[in-house]
């Protein structure tokens, strides 16, 4: 039962952080929302900082599992880029519904890791898994004859990841007039530059 209560606390905290932002949620709010006693929560986490660290680990592990389980490398790159557009649209809608706190959570998760160097391998694993999936997807399309053989699959995968993450930052900061259309144009430009 101990593992279940710890997981429950992390799950509740992530939900609250996603809804209201990490800075705006107190440790007491997490305790209350968990439905557990103060003692039960303090048994697992002596402070909000310890809880945040556990949430960061859980957040990136969940993201990594989702990427690892996605059959991206088996899909044509064109379909993967369409999938990225769809996911981007879903994230933007979720952000709008939650007053952008989901964006704040993502950025907070990225920046928190910088303060805790021992955690850096966790998001690296996520981005590495995503990049590896894209590399394999691109190589498969090269074998199918739809993508030029003389382009670097590794560099192209990094370009796609960087474009998607950069687009996300532009979207969060509201500098794009039509984020979805601009992401579509951006990814199409990349795709068209590497196809035969």
Protein backbone atom coordinates (compact mmCIF):
# COMPACT_ATOMS: atom_id res chain seq x y z
CA UNK A 1 0.00 0.00 0.00
CA UNK A 2 2.96 2.32 0.65
CA UNK A 3 3.84 2.50 -3.05
CA UNK A 4 0.20 3.18 -3.94
CA UNK A 5 -0.07 6.14 -1.54
CA UNK A 6 3.22 7.62 -2.77
CA UNK A 7 2.07 7.28 -6.38
CA UNK A 8 -1.30 8.77 -5.45
CA UNK A 9 0.39 11.81 -3.90
CA UNK A 10 2.55 12.34 -7.00
CA UNK A 11 -0.46 11.93 -9.29
CA UNK A 12 -2.51 14.45 -7.29
CA UNK A 13 0.40 16.90 -7.17
CA UNK A 14 0.96 16.67 -10.94
CA UNK A 15 -2.74 17.31 -11.53
CA UNK A 16 -2.68 20.35 -9.23
CA UNK A 17 0.57 21.63 -10.76
CA UNK A 18 -0.90 21.17 -14.24
CA UNK A 19 -4.09 22.99 -13.27
CA UNK A 20 -2.59 25.85 -11.24
CA UNK A 21 1.18 25.90 -11.78
CA UNK A 22 3.90 24.59 -9.45
CA UNK A 23 4.52 27.91 -7.75
CA UNK A 24 0.85 28.48 -6.93
CA UNK A 25 0.17 25.13 -5.27
CA UNK A 26 1.10 24.74 -1.61
CA UNK A 27 2.22 21.53 0.03
CA UNK A 28 -0.90 21.71 2.22
CA UNK A 29 -3.12 21.85 -0.88
CA UNK A 30 -1.51 18.66 -2.14
CA UNK A 31 -1.99 17.00 1.25
CA UNK A 32 -5.66 17.98 1.33
CA UNK A 33 -6.33 16.94 -2.28
CA UNK A 34 -4.60 13.58 -1.79
CA UNK A 35 -7.17 12.53 0.80
CA UNK A 36 -4.35 11.17 2.95
CA UNK A 37 -3.29 12.28 6.39
CA UNK A 38 -0.53 14.82 6.84
CA UNK A 39 1.58 12.09 8.44
CA UNK A 40 1.10 9.78 5.46
CA UNK A 41 2.23 12.47 3.04
CA UNK A 42 5.19 13.52 5.22
CA UNK A 43 6.18 9.85 5.47
CA UNK A 44 6.93 9.96 1.72
CA UNK A 45 7.89 13.61 1.24
CA UNK A 46 9.46 15.81 3.92
CA UNK A 47 8.95 18.95 1.84
CA UNK A 48 7.36 20.37 -1.27
CA UNK A 49 10.84 20.31 -2.86
CA UNK A 50 11.05 16.53 -2.42
CA UNK A 51 7.56 16.16 -3.86
CA UNK A 52 8.43 18.35 -6.85
CA UNK A 53 11.51 16.22 -7.51
CA UNK A 54 9.37 13.05 -7.48
CA UNK A 55 6.87 14.77 -9.80
CA UNK A 56 9.62 15.76 -12.23
CA UNK A 57 10.82 12.16 -12.37
CA UNK A 58 7.28 10.83 -12.84
CA UNK A 59 6.49 13.47 -15.51
CA UNK A 60 9.53 12.63 -17.67
CA UNK A 61 9.19 8.88 -17.15
CA UNK A 62 5.56 9.05 -18.33
CA UNK A 63 6.56 11.12 -21.37
CA UNK A 64 9.34 8.63 -22.18
CA UNK A 65 7.02 5.61 -21.94
CA UNK A 66 4.51 7.31 -24.26
CA UNK A 67 7.23 7.95 -26.85
CA UNK A 68 8.74 4.48 -26.52
CA UNK A 69 5.31 2.88 -27.00
CA UNK A 70 4.41 5.00 -30.04
CA UNK A 71 5.08 3.08 -33.30
CA UNK A 72 6.66 6.16 -34.89
CA UNK A 73 9.54 4.34 -36.57
CA UNK A 74 7.07 2.13 -38.47
CA UNK A 75 5.07 5.09 -39.83
CA UNK A 76 5.96 7.11 -42.93
CA UNK A 77 7.54 10.42 -41.88
CA UNK A 78 4.67 12.36 -43.48
CA UNK A 79 2.25 10.59 -41.09
CA UNK A 80 4.53 11.25 -38.11
CA UNK A 81 4.58 14.96 -38.94
CA UNK A 82 0.78 14.95 -39.18
CA UNK A 83 0.69 13.18 -35.81
CA UNK A 84 2.93 15.90 -34.32
CA UNK A 85 0.54 18.55 -35.65
CA UNK A 86 -2.41 16.74 -34.08
CA UNK A 87 -0.63 16.42 -30.72
CA UNK A 88 0.34 20.09 -30.88
CA UNK A 89 -3.28 21.04 -31.47
CA UNK A 90 -4.41 18.92 -28.51
CA UNK A 91 -1.77 20.49 -26.25
CA UNK A 92 -2.75 24.02 -27.32
CA UNK A 93 -6.41 23.27 -26.60
CA UNK A 94 -5.54 21.79 -23.22
CA UNK A 95 -3.41 24.84 -22.44
CA UNK A 96 -6.26 27.18 -23.31
CA UNK A 97 -8.67 25.18 -21.12
CA UNK A 98 -6.25 25.29 -18.19
CA UNK A 99 -5.25 28.96 -18.56
CA UNK A 100 -1.83 27.97 -19.89
CA UNK A 101 -0.81 26.25 -16.64
CA UNK A 102 -0.01 23.06 -18.60
CA UNK A 103 2.58 25.07 -20.58
CA UNK A 104 3.95 26.48 -17.34
CA UNK A 105 4.24 22.94 -15.97
CA UNK A 106 6.18 21.74 -19.03
CA UNK A 107 8.58 24.69 -18.89
CA UNK A 108 8.92 24.26 -15.12
CA UNK A 109 9.78 20.59 -15.62
CA UNK A 110 12.50 21.54 -18.10
CA UNK A 111 13.99 24.27 -15.90
CA UNK A 112 13.75 22.31 -12.66
CA UNK A 113 16.12 19.71 -14.07
CA UNK A 114 18.79 22.37 -14.56
CA UNK A 115 18.80 22.94 -10.78
CA UNK A 116 19.11 19.22 -10.07
CA UNK A 117 21.92 17.91 -12.30
CA UNK A 118 21.33 14.30 -11.23
CA UNK A 119 17.93 14.54 -12.96
CA UNK A 120 19.32 15.63 -16.35
CA UNK A 121 19.45 12.04 -17.68
CA UNK A 122 15.66 11.74 -17.28
CA UNK A 123 14.54 14.29 -19.92
CA UNK A 124 17.59 13.31 -22.00
CA UNK A 125 16.13 9.81 -22.10
CA UNK A 126 12.80 11.21 -23.35
CA UNK A 127 14.32 13.41 -26.05
CA UNK A 128 16.79 10.64 -26.96
CA UNK A 129 13.99 8.09 -27.35
CA UNK A 130 11.98 10.51 -29.47
CA UNK A 131 15.00 11.35 -31.62
CA UNK A 132 15.86 7.65 -32.08
CA UNK A 133 12.30 6.91 -33.19
CA UNK A 134 12.44 9.75 -35.73
CA UNK A 135 15.84 8.60 -36.98
CA UNK A 136 14.50 5.09 -37.59
CA UNK A 137 11.40 6.51 -39.28
CA UNK A 138 13.54 8.62 -41.61
CA UNK A 139 15.86 5.69 -42.38
CA UNK A 140 12.84 3.51 -43.17
CA UNK A 141 11.55 6.18 -45.57
CA UNK A 142 15.01 6.33 -47.15
CA UNK A 143 14.80 2.56 -47.74
CA UNK A 144 11.30 3.02 -49.21
CA UNK A 145 12.73 5.63 -51.57
CA UNK A 146 10.59 8.55 -50.40
CA UNK A 147 13.37 10.50 -48.66
CA UNK A 148 16.74 11.41 -50.14
CA UNK A 149 19.47 8.97 -49.18
CA UNK A 150 22.13 11.68 -48.95
CA UNK A 151 20.55 13.51 -46.01
CA UNK A 152 21.52 12.73 -42.43
CA UNK A 153 18.67 11.01 -40.59
CA UNK A 154 20.23 12.12 -37.27
CA UNK A 155 20.41 15.80 -38.24
CA UNK A 156 16.94 15.75 -39.79
CA UNK A 157 15.46 14.18 -36.64
CA UNK A 158 17.12 16.87 -34.52
CA UNK A 159 15.81 19.55 -36.89
CA UNK A 160 12.24 18.23 -36.54
CA UNK A 161 12.51 18.02 -32.74
CA UNK A 162 14.03 21.50 -32.51
CA UNK A 163 11.40 22.95 -34.82
CA UNK A 164 8.56 21.37 -32.83
CA UNK A 165 9.96 22.47 -29.45
CA UNK A 166 10.77 25.95 -30.75
CA UNK A 167 7.31 26.24 -32.24
CA UNK A 168 5.93 25.27 -28.84
CA UNK A 169 7.82 28.15 -27.22
CA UNK A 170 6.53 30.59 -29.83
CA UNK A 171 3.01 29.29 -29.25
CA UNK A 172 3.29 29.64 -25.47
CA UNK A 173 4.51 33.23 -25.82
CA UNK A 174 1.60 34.08 -28.18
CA UNK A 175 3.78 35.53 -30.95
CA UNK A 176 2.26 33.39 -33.71
CA UNK A 177 -0.96 34.50 -35.39
CA UNK A 178 -2.03 30.98 -36.36
CA UNK A 179 0.17 28.45 -34.53
CA UNK A 180 -1.34 25.35 -36.13
CA UNK A 181 -1.07 26.65 -39.68
CA UNK A 182 2.47 27.84 -39.04
CA UNK A 183 3.50 24.47 -37.58
CA UNK A 184 1.99 22.74 -40.60
CA UNK A 185 3.95 25.04 -42.94
CA UNK A 186 7.15 24.55 -40.94
CA UNK A 187 6.94 20.75 -40.94
CA UNK A 188 5.89 20.67 -44.61
CA UNK A 189 8.92 22.81 -45.48
CA UNK A 190 11.22 20.37 -43.70
CA UNK A 191 9.52 17.38 -45.34
CA UNK A 192 9.53 18.89 -48.84
CA UNK A 193 13.24 19.70 -48.54
CA UNK A 194 14.17 16.06 -47.92
CA UNK A 195 11.79 14.15 -50.19
CA UNK A 196 12.68 12.80 -53.60
